[in-house]
Amino acid sequence: MFHDSDIFRQLSLAERLARVSRLWKMAADRELAPLGLTHPRWTALWKLQRLGDHISQKQLACALELELPSLMRTLSQLEEQALITRHSSESDKRTRIVSLTEQGRRLLTQMEKRILDVRNQVLQDVSPQDLELLSTLLEKIAENTLRTLDN
């Protein structure tokens, strides 16, 4: 495990961002594993709920920044767990619509509590002002990166 703060300080900014992201994900995964959820599964459920449910597989893949074939296995697993259903769109039979089941909604309630607990633990010594500054800085970095990619 990575505990030495001196080594962390020697990492580049990109390496630090990636490391913090991995650590946060690991903490969330550990908390959600007892619910039978892996990172791909819980992020798909979370995003499905946030997008308002009843969306196409393609929309969900775009929102998760995944290729549709990469998402298909996760959706099959969630369907096997009876957390989602998939059916053809009435307007376009080629389009598959993803919906949460009642069991999926109940699990999301449990999941939300656990995720908020992890978030609170991870951010326990960070002030609201520092969080706002971090959010602003990350937004600027993302905008600059997107602008660089567009060039």
N, C-alpha and C. Protein backbone atom coordinates (compact mmCIF):
# COMPACT_ATOMS: atom_id res chain seq x y z
N MET A 1 0.86 -1.19 0.00
CA MET A 1 0.00 0.00 0.00
C MET A 1 0.89 1.24 0.00
N PHE A 2 0.34 2.34 -0.32
CA PHE A 2 1.05 3.59 -0.53
C PHE A 2 0.78 4.52 0.65
N HIS A 3 1.71 4.60 1.61
CA HIS A 3 1.46 5.40 2.81
C HIS A 3 2.42 6.58 2.98
N ASP A 4 3.52 6.57 2.29
CA ASP A 4 4.54 7.57 2.53
C ASP A 4 4.19 8.89 1.83
N SER A 5 3.87 9.90 2.64
CA SER A 5 3.47 11.19 2.06
C SER A 5 4.63 11.86 1.33
N ASP A 6 5.88 11.58 1.71
CA ASP A 6 7.02 12.15 0.99
C ASP A 6 7.06 11.63 -0.45
N ILE A 7 6.79 10.35 -0.62
CA ILE A 7 6.77 9.76 -1.96
C ILE A 7 5.62 10.37 -2.76
N PHE A 8 4.47 10.54 -2.12
CA PHE A 8 3.31 11.14 -2.80
C PHE A 8 3.66 12.53 -3.32
N ARG A 9 4.36 13.31 -2.52
CA ARG A 9 4.73 14.68 -2.91
C ARG A 9 5.67 14.69 -4.11
N GLN A 10 6.39 13.60 -4.33
CA GLN A 10 7.32 13.53 -5.45
C GLN A 10 6.63 13.17 -6.76
N LEU A 11 5.40 12.74 -6.68
CA LEU A 11 4.67 12.38 -7.89
C LEU A 11 4.27 13.63 -8.66
N SER A 12 4.13 13.48 -9.96
CA SER A 12 3.64 14.59 -10.77
C SER A 12 2.17 14.84 -10.42
N LEU A 13 1.65 15.98 -10.85
CA LEU A 13 0.26 16.30 -10.59
C LEU A 13 -0.66 15.24 -11.19
N ALA A 14 -0.40 14.82 -12.42
CA ALA A 14 -1.23 13.80 -13.08
C ALA A 14 -1.19 12.49 -12.27
N GLU A 15 0.00 12.12 -11.79
CA GLU A 15 0.11 10.89 -10.99
C GLU A 15 -0.65 11.03 -9.67
N ARG A 16 -0.59 12.21 -9.07
CA ARG A 16 -1.33 12.43 -7.82
C ARG A 16 -2.84 12.32 -8.04
N LEU A 17 -3.33 12.96 -9.10
CA LEU A 17 -4.76 12.89 -9.41
C LEU A 17 -5.18 11.44 -9.62
N ALA A 18 -4.40 10.70 -10.39
CA ALA A 18 -4.72 9.30 -10.66
C ALA A 18 -4.68 8.48 -9.37
N ARG A 19 -3.69 8.74 -8.52
CA ARG A 19 -3.55 7.98 -7.27
C ARG A 19 -4.74 8.23 -6.33
N VAL A 20 -5.11 9.49 -6.18
CA VAL A 20 -6.25 9.83 -5.31
C VAL A 20 -7.52 9.19 -5.86
N SER A 21 -7.70 9.22 -7.16
CA SER A 21 -8.87 8.61 -7.78
C SER A 21 -8.90 7.10 -7.50
N ARG A 22 -7.77 6.44 -7.66
CA ARG A 22 -7.71 4.99 -7.39
C ARG A 22 -7.99 4.68 -5.93
N LEU A 23 -7.42 5.47 -5.02
CA LEU A 23 -7.64 5.24 -3.59
C LEU A 23 -9.11 5.41 -3.21
N TRP A 24 -9.73 6.46 -3.74
CA TRP A 24 -11.15 6.71 -3.46
C TRP A 24 -11.99 5.55 -3.98
N LYS A 25 -11.67 5.11 -5.20
CA LYS A 25 -12.40 3.99 -5.79
C LYS A 25 -12.22 2.72 -4.94
N MET A 26 -11.00 2.48 -4.47
CA MET A 26 -10.73 1.30 -3.64
C MET A 26 -11.55 1.35 -2.34
N ALA A 27 -11.63 2.52 -1.73
CA ALA A 27 -12.40 2.68 -0.49
C ALA A 27 -13.88 2.41 -0.75
N ALA A 28 -14.39 2.95 -1.84
CA ALA A 28 -15.80 2.73 -2.19
C ALA A 28 -16.05 1.26 -2.51
N ASP A 29 -15.17 0.66 -3.29
CA ASP A 29 -15.33 -0.75 -3.65
C ASP A 29 -15.35 -1.65 -2.41
N ARG A 30 -14.46 -1.37 -1.47
CA ARG A 30 -14.42 -2.18 -0.24
C ARG A 30 -15.73 -2.06 0.53
N GLU A 31 -16.28 -0.86 0.57
CA GLU A 31 -17.53 -0.63 1.31
C GLU A 31 -18.72 -1.27 0.61
N LEU A 32 -18.69 -1.35 -0.72
CA LEU A 32 -19.83 -1.86 -1.48
C LEU A 32 -19.74 -3.35 -1.81
N ALA A 33 -18.59 -3.96 -1.61
CA ALA A 33 -18.43 -5.38 -1.90
C ALA A 33 -19.45 -6.26 -1.16
N PRO A 34 -19.76 -5.98 0.14
CA PRO A 34 -20.76 -6.81 0.82
C PRO A 34 -22.15 -6.76 0.18
N LEU A 35 -22.40 -5.75 -0.63
CA LEU A 35 -23.69 -5.65 -1.32
C LEU A 35 -23.68 -6.39 -2.66
N GLY A 36 -22.55 -7.06 -2.96
CA GLY A 36 -22.44 -7.79 -4.22
C GLY A 36 -22.14 -6.89 -5.41
N LEU A 37 -21.53 -5.74 -5.13
CA LEU A 37 -21.28 -4.76 -6.19
C LEU A 37 -19.78 -4.57 -6.42
N THR A 38 -19.42 -4.59 -7.69
CA THR A 38 -18.07 -4.24 -8.12
C THR A 38 -18.11 -2.81 -8.63
N HIS A 39 -16.96 -2.23 -8.88
CA HIS A 39 -16.91 -0.85 -9.37
C HIS A 39 -17.76 -0.64 -10.63
N PRO A 40 -17.61 -1.48 -11.65
CA PRO A 40 -18.45 -1.27 -12.84
C PRO A 40 -19.95 -1.36 -12.54
N ARG A 41 -20.33 -2.26 -11.65
CA ARG A 41 -21.76 -2.43 -11.35
C ARG A 41 -22.31 -1.24 -10.58
N TRP A 42 -21.61 -0.83 -9.52
CA TRP A 42 -22.18 0.26 -8.72
C TRP A 42 -22.15 1.59 -9.46
N THR A 43 -21.13 1.80 -10.28
CA THR A 43 -21.11 3.06 -11.03
C THR A 43 -22.22 3.09 -12.08
N ALA A 44 -22.51 1.94 -12.70
CA ALA A 44 -23.60 1.88 -13.67
C ALA A 44 -24.94 2.14 -12.99
N LEU A 45 -25.16 1.54 -11.83
CA LEU A 45 -26.41 1.78 -11.09
C LEU A 45 -26.54 3.24 -10.68
N TRP A 46 -25.47 3.78 -10.15
CA TRP A 46 -25.45 5.17 -9.68
C TRP A 46 -25.77 6.12 -10.83
N LYS A 47 -25.11 5.91 -11.97
CA LYS A 47 -25.32 6.78 -13.12
C LYS A 47 -26.74 6.62 -13.67
N LEU A 48 -27.24 5.39 -13.70
CA LEU A 48 -28.60 5.14 -14.18
C LEU A 48 -29.60 5.91 -13.32
N GLN A 49 -29.43 5.88 -12.02
CA GLN A 49 -30.32 6.62 -11.13
C GLN A 49 -30.19 8.12 -11.36
N ARG A 50 -28.98 8.61 -11.49
CA ARG A 50 -28.76 10.05 -11.65
C ARG A 50 -29.31 10.58 -12.97
N LEU A 51 -29.36 9.72 -13.98
CA LEU A 51 -29.87 10.14 -15.29
C LEU A 51 -31.39 10.02 -15.38
N GLY A 52 -32.01 9.53 -14.32
CA GLY A 52 -33.46 9.49 -14.29
C GLY A 52 -34.06 8.16 -14.68
N ASP A 53 -33.23 7.11 -14.84
CA ASP A 53 -33.75 5.78 -15.12
C ASP A 53 -34.37 5.73 -16.53
N HIS A 54 -34.70 4.58 -17.02
CA HIS A 54 -35.34 4.37 -18.32
C HIS A 54 -34.60 5.07 -19.45
N ILE A 55 -33.31 4.77 -19.58
CA ILE A 55 -32.52 5.36 -20.66
C ILE A 55 -31.93 4.25 -21.51
N SER A 56 -31.46 4.62 -22.68
CA SER A 56 -30.90 3.62 -23.58
C SER A 56 -29.52 3.17 -23.09
N GLN A 57 -29.18 1.96 -23.48
CA GLN A 57 -27.85 1.44 -23.15
C GLN A 57 -26.77 2.36 -23.69
N LYS A 58 -27.00 2.90 -24.89
CA LYS A 58 -26.03 3.79 -25.52
C LYS A 58 -25.86 5.07 -24.70
N GLN A 59 -26.97 5.66 -24.23
CA GLN A 59 -26.89 6.87 -23.40
C GLN A 59 -26.11 6.58 -22.11
N LEU A 60 -26.38 5.43 -21.50
CA LEU A 60 -25.68 5.07 -20.27
C LEU A 60 -24.19 4.88 -20.53
N ALA A 61 -23.85 4.21 -21.63
CA ALA A 61 -22.44 4.02 -21.97
C ALA A 61 -21.75 5.37 -22.18
N CYS A 62 -22.41 6.29 -22.88
CA CYS A 62 -21.83 7.63 -23.10
C CYS A 62 -21.63 8.36 -21.78
N ALA A 63 -22.62 8.29 -20.90
CA ALA A 63 -22.54 8.97 -19.60
C ALA A 63 -21.42 8.39 -18.74
N LEU A 64 -21.17 7.10 -18.88
CA LEU A 64 -20.11 6.44 -18.11
C LEU A 64 -18.75 6.54 -18.82
N GLU A 65 -18.76 7.13 -20.03
CA GLU A 65 -17.57 7.25 -20.86
C GLU A 65 -16.97 5.89 -21.17
N LEU A 66 -17.86 4.97 -21.56
CA LEU A 66 -17.47 3.61 -21.93
C LEU A 66 -17.96 3.31 -23.33
N GLU A 67 -17.31 2.36 -23.98
CA GLU A 67 -17.82 1.82 -25.23
C GLU A 67 -18.99 0.90 -24.87
N LEU A 68 -20.01 0.88 -25.70
CA LEU A 68 -21.19 0.07 -25.44
C LEU A 68 -20.85 -1.40 -25.18
N PRO A 69 -19.97 -2.04 -25.98
CA PRO A 69 -19.65 -3.44 -25.69
C PRO A 69 -19.05 -3.66 -24.29
N SER A 70 -18.31 -2.67 -23.79
CA SER A 70 -17.73 -2.77 -22.44
C SER A 70 -18.81 -2.75 -21.37
N LEU A 71 -19.89 -2.04 -21.63
CA LEU A 71 -20.97 -1.94 -20.66
C LEU A 71 -21.88 -3.17 -20.67
N MET A 72 -21.95 -3.87 -21.78
CA MET A 72 -22.91 -4.97 -21.94
C MET A 72 -22.75 -6.06 -20.88
N ARG A 73 -21.52 -6.45 -20.57
CA ARG A 73 -21.29 -7.49 -19.57
C ARG A 73 -21.79 -7.04 -18.20
N THR A 74 -21.50 -5.81 -17.83
CA THR A 74 -21.96 -5.26 -16.55
C THR A 74 -23.48 -5.26 -16.49
N LEU A 75 -24.12 -4.85 -17.56
CA LEU A 75 -25.59 -4.83 -17.58
C LEU A 75 -26.16 -6.24 -17.46
N SER A 76 -25.51 -7.20 -18.09
CA SER A 76 -25.97 -8.59 -17.96
C SER A 76 -25.86 -9.05 -16.52
N GLN A 77 -24.78 -8.69 -15.85
CA GLN A 77 -24.60 -9.07 -14.44
C GLN A 77 -25.65 -8.40 -13.55
N LEU A 78 -25.93 -7.13 -13.81
CA LEU A 78 -26.94 -6.43 -13.03
C LEU A 78 -28.33 -7.02 -13.28
N GLU A 79 -28.55 -7.46 -14.49
CA GLU A 79 -29.83 -8.11 -14.82
C GLU A 79 -29.94 -9.45 -14.09
N GLU A 80 -28.84 -10.21 -14.05
CA GLU A 80 -28.82 -11.49 -13.33
C GLU A 80 -29.09 -11.29 -11.84
N GLN A 81 -28.65 -10.16 -11.29
CA GLN A 81 -28.89 -9.83 -9.88
C GLN A 81 -30.28 -9.25 -9.67
N ALA A 82 -31.06 -9.13 -10.74
CA ALA A 82 -32.42 -8.57 -10.70
C ALA A 82 -32.44 -7.12 -10.24
N LEU A 83 -31.38 -6.37 -10.59
CA LEU A 83 -31.28 -4.96 -10.20
C LEU A 83 -31.73 -4.03 -11.33
N ILE A 84 -31.69 -4.54 -12.56
CA ILE A 84 -32.16 -3.78 -13.72
C ILE A 84 -32.96 -4.70 -14.64
N THR A 85 -33.70 -4.07 -15.54
CA THR A 85 -34.31 -4.79 -16.65
C THR A 85 -33.92 -4.06 -17.93
N ARG A 86 -33.96 -4.79 -19.04
CA ARG A 86 -33.72 -4.19 -20.35
C ARG A 86 -34.84 -4.62 -21.28
N HIS A 87 -35.32 -3.68 -22.04
CA HIS A 87 -36.36 -3.99 -23.02
C HIS A 87 -36.20 -3.09 -24.24
N SER A 88 -36.79 -3.49 -25.32
CA SER A 88 -36.71 -2.70 -26.55
C SER A 88 -37.53 -1.43 -26.43
N SER A 89 -37.01 -0.38 -27.03
CA SER A 89 -37.73 0.89 -27.07
C SER A 89 -38.96 0.74 -27.95
N GLU A 90 -40.04 1.38 -27.54
CA GLU A 90 -41.26 1.32 -28.36
C GLU A 90 -41.09 2.09 -29.67
N SER A 91 -40.26 3.14 -29.65
CA SER A 91 -40.09 3.96 -30.86
C SER A 91 -39.03 3.40 -31.81
N ASP A 92 -38.08 2.62 -31.28
CA ASP A 92 -37.02 2.04 -32.11
C ASP A 92 -36.65 0.69 -31.52
N LYS A 93 -37.09 -0.37 -32.13
CA LYS A 93 -36.89 -1.72 -31.59
C LYS A 93 -35.42 -2.11 -31.48
N ARG A 94 -34.52 -1.40 -32.18
CA ARG A 94 -33.08 -1.70 -32.08
C ARG A 94 -32.48 -1.13 -30.79
N THR A 95 -33.15 -0.16 -30.20
CA THR A 95 -32.66 0.50 -28.99
C THR A 95 -33.14 -0.24 -27.76
N ARG A 96 -32.19 -0.55 -26.87
CA ARG A 96 -32.53 -1.24 -25.62
C ARG A 96 -32.57 -0.22 -24.49
N ILE A 97 -33.66 -0.23 -23.72
CA ILE A 97 -33.85 0.69 -22.60
C ILE A 97 -33.51 -0.03 -21.30
N VAL A 98 -32.75 0.65 -20.46
CA VAL A 98 -32.33 0.10 -19.16
C VAL A 98 -33.16 0.77 -18.07
N SER A 99 -33.70 -0.04 -17.18
CA SER A 99 -34.52 0.48 -16.08
C SER A 99 -34.14 -0.22 -14.78
N LEU A 100 -34.23 0.52 -13.70
CA LEU A 100 -34.01 -0.05 -12.38
C LEU A 100 -35.23 -0.87 -11.97
N THR A 101 -34.97 -1.97 -11.26
CA THR A 101 -36.07 -2.73 -10.67
C THR A 101 -36.31 -2.19 -9.26
N GLU A 102 -37.36 -2.65 -8.63
CA GLU A 102 -37.62 -2.24 -7.24
C GLU A 102 -36.46 -2.69 -6.35
N GLN A 103 -35.97 -3.89 -6.59
CA GLN A 103 -34.81 -4.39 -5.84
C GLN A 103 -33.59 -3.50 -6.08
N GLY A 104 -33.42 -3.05 -7.30
CA GLY A 104 -32.32 -2.15 -7.63
C GLY A 104 -32.43 -0.82 -6.89
N ARG A 105 -33.64 -0.30 -6.81
CA ARG A 105 -33.86 0.96 -6.08
C ARG A 105 -33.55 0.79 -4.59
N ARG A 106 -33.96 -0.32 -4.03
CA ARG A 106 -33.67 -0.57 -2.60
C ARG A 106 -32.16 -0.67 -2.36
N LEU A 107 -31.49 -1.36 -3.27
CA LEU A 107 -30.04 -1.50 -3.14
C LEU A 107 -29.36 -0.13 -3.27
N LEU A 108 -29.85 0.69 -4.16
CA LEU A 108 -29.28 2.04 -4.33
C LEU A 108 -29.40 2.86 -3.05
N THR A 109 -30.47 2.69 -2.31
CA THR A 109 -30.63 3.39 -1.04
C THR A 109 -29.53 2.97 -0.07
N GLN A 110 -29.27 1.67 0.01
CA GLN A 110 -28.19 1.17 0.87
C GLN A 110 -26.83 1.66 0.36
N MET A 111 -26.68 1.60 -0.94
CA MET A 111 -25.44 2.01 -1.58
C MET A 111 -25.14 3.49 -1.32
N GLU A 112 -26.15 4.33 -1.46
CA GLU A 112 -25.98 5.76 -1.24
C GLU A 112 -25.46 6.06 0.16
N LYS A 113 -26.03 5.40 1.15
CA LYS A 113 -25.59 5.62 2.53
C LYS A 113 -24.12 5.23 2.69
N ARG A 114 -23.76 4.10 2.15
CA ARG A 114 -22.37 3.64 2.26
C ARG A 114 -21.40 4.56 1.51
N ILE A 115 -21.81 5.02 0.33
CA ILE A 115 -20.96 5.93 -0.45
C ILE A 115 -20.79 7.26 0.28
N LEU A 116 -21.86 7.77 0.87
CA LEU A 116 -21.76 9.02 1.62
C LEU A 116 -20.88 8.85 2.85
N ASP A 117 -20.93 7.69 3.48
CA ASP A 117 -20.04 7.42 4.62
C ASP A 117 -18.58 7.45 4.17
N VAL A 118 -18.30 6.81 3.03
CA VAL A 118 -16.93 6.82 2.50
C VAL A 118 -16.52 8.25 2.17
N ARG A 119 -17.38 8.99 1.50
CA ARG A 119 -17.09 10.37 1.15
C ARG A 119 -16.77 11.20 2.39
N ASN A 120 -17.58 11.05 3.43
CA ASN A 120 -17.35 11.78 4.68
C ASN A 120 -16.02 11.40 5.32
N GLN A 121 -15.66 10.13 5.28
CA GLN A 121 -14.38 9.69 5.84
C GLN A 121 -13.21 10.27 5.03
N VAL A 122 -13.33 10.20 3.72
CA VAL A 122 -12.26 10.67 2.84
C VAL A 122 -12.05 12.18 2.97
N LEU A 123 -13.14 12.92 3.17
CA LEU A 123 -13.06 14.38 3.20
C LEU A 123 -13.13 14.96 4.62
N GLN A 124 -12.94 14.13 5.63
CA GLN A 124 -13.17 14.55 7.01
C GLN A 124 -12.35 15.76 7.45
N ASP A 125 -11.14 15.93 6.97
CA ASP A 125 -10.31 17.05 7.41
C ASP A 125 -10.19 18.14 6.34
N VAL A 126 -11.11 18.14 5.39
CA VAL A 126 -11.06 19.12 4.31
C VAL A 126 -12.20 20.11 4.51
N SER A 127 -11.86 21.38 4.53
CA SER A 127 -12.87 22.41 4.77
C SER A 127 -13.76 22.60 3.55
N PRO A 128 -14.97 23.11 3.76
CA PRO A 128 -15.85 23.41 2.62
C PRO A 128 -15.19 24.38 1.62
N GLN A 129 -14.43 25.33 2.12
CA GLN A 129 -13.75 26.28 1.25
C GLN A 129 -12.69 25.57 0.38
N ASP A 130 -11.95 24.65 0.99
CA ASP A 130 -10.95 23.91 0.23
C ASP A 130 -11.62 23.01 -0.81
N LEU A 131 -12.75 22.43 -0.45
CA LEU A 131 -13.49 21.60 -1.41
C LEU A 131 -13.97 22.43 -2.59
N GLU A 132 -14.46 23.61 -2.32
CA GLU A 132 -14.92 24.51 -3.38
C GLU A 132 -13.75 24.89 -4.29
N LEU A 133 -12.61 25.21 -3.69
CA LEU A 133 -11.42 25.56 -4.47
C LEU A 133 -10.98 24.36 -5.31
N LEU A 134 -10.96 23.17 -4.72
CA LEU A 134 -10.57 21.97 -5.46
C LEU A 134 -11.52 21.75 -6.64
N SER A 135 -12.79 21.91 -6.41
CA SER A 135 -13.78 21.74 -7.47
C SER A 135 -13.53 22.73 -8.61
N THR A 136 -13.28 23.97 -8.27
CA THR A 136 -13.00 25.00 -9.26
C THR A 136 -11.73 24.67 -10.05
N LEU A 137 -10.70 24.26 -9.35
CA LEU A 137 -9.43 23.94 -10.01
C LEU A 137 -9.57 22.73 -10.94
N LEU A 138 -10.27 21.70 -10.48
CA LEU A 138 -10.48 20.52 -11.32
C LEU A 138 -11.28 20.87 -12.58
N GLU A 139 -12.25 21.74 -12.41
CA GLU A 139 -13.05 22.18 -13.56
C GLU A 139 -12.17 22.92 -14.57
N LYS A 140 -11.29 23.79 -14.09
CA LYS A 140 -10.39 24.53 -14.99
C LYS A 140 -9.44 23.57 -15.70
N ILE A 141 -8.90 22.61 -14.96
CA ILE A 141 -7.98 21.64 -15.56
C ILE A 141 -8.70 20.82 -16.63
N ALA A 142 -9.93 20.41 -16.33
CA ALA A 142 -10.72 19.64 -17.30
C ALA A 142 -11.00 20.47 -18.55
N GLU A 143 -11.39 21.72 -18.36
CA GLU A 143 -11.67 22.60 -19.51
C GLU A 143 -10.41 22.78 -20.36
N ASN A 144 -9.28 23.04 -19.72
CA ASN A 144 -8.03 23.21 -20.45
C ASN A 144 -7.64 21.94 -21.21
N THR A 145 -7.85 20.81 -20.57
CA THR A 145 -7.52 19.54 -21.21
C THR A 145 -8.41 19.31 -22.42
N LEU A 146 -9.70 19.57 -22.28
CA LEU A 146 -10.62 19.42 -23.41
C LEU A 146 -10.26 20.35 -24.55
N ARG A 147 -9.86 21.57 -24.21
CA ARG A 147 -9.45 22.53 -25.24
C ARG A 147 -8.20 22.01 -25.95
N THR A 148 -7.28 21.43 -25.21
CA THR A 148 -6.07 20.86 -25.81
C THR A 148 -6.41 19.71 -26.74
N LEU A 149 -7.37 18.88 -26.34
CA LEU A 149 -7.79 17.75 -27.18
C LEU A 149 -8.50 18.21 -28.45
N ASP A 150 -9.19 19.34 -28.38
CA ASP A 150 -9.90 19.87 -29.54
C ASP A 150 -8.96 20.47 -30.57
N ASN A 151 -7.76 20.84 -30.16
CA ASN A 151 -6.80 21.47 -31.09
C ASN A 151 -6.14 20.45 -31.98
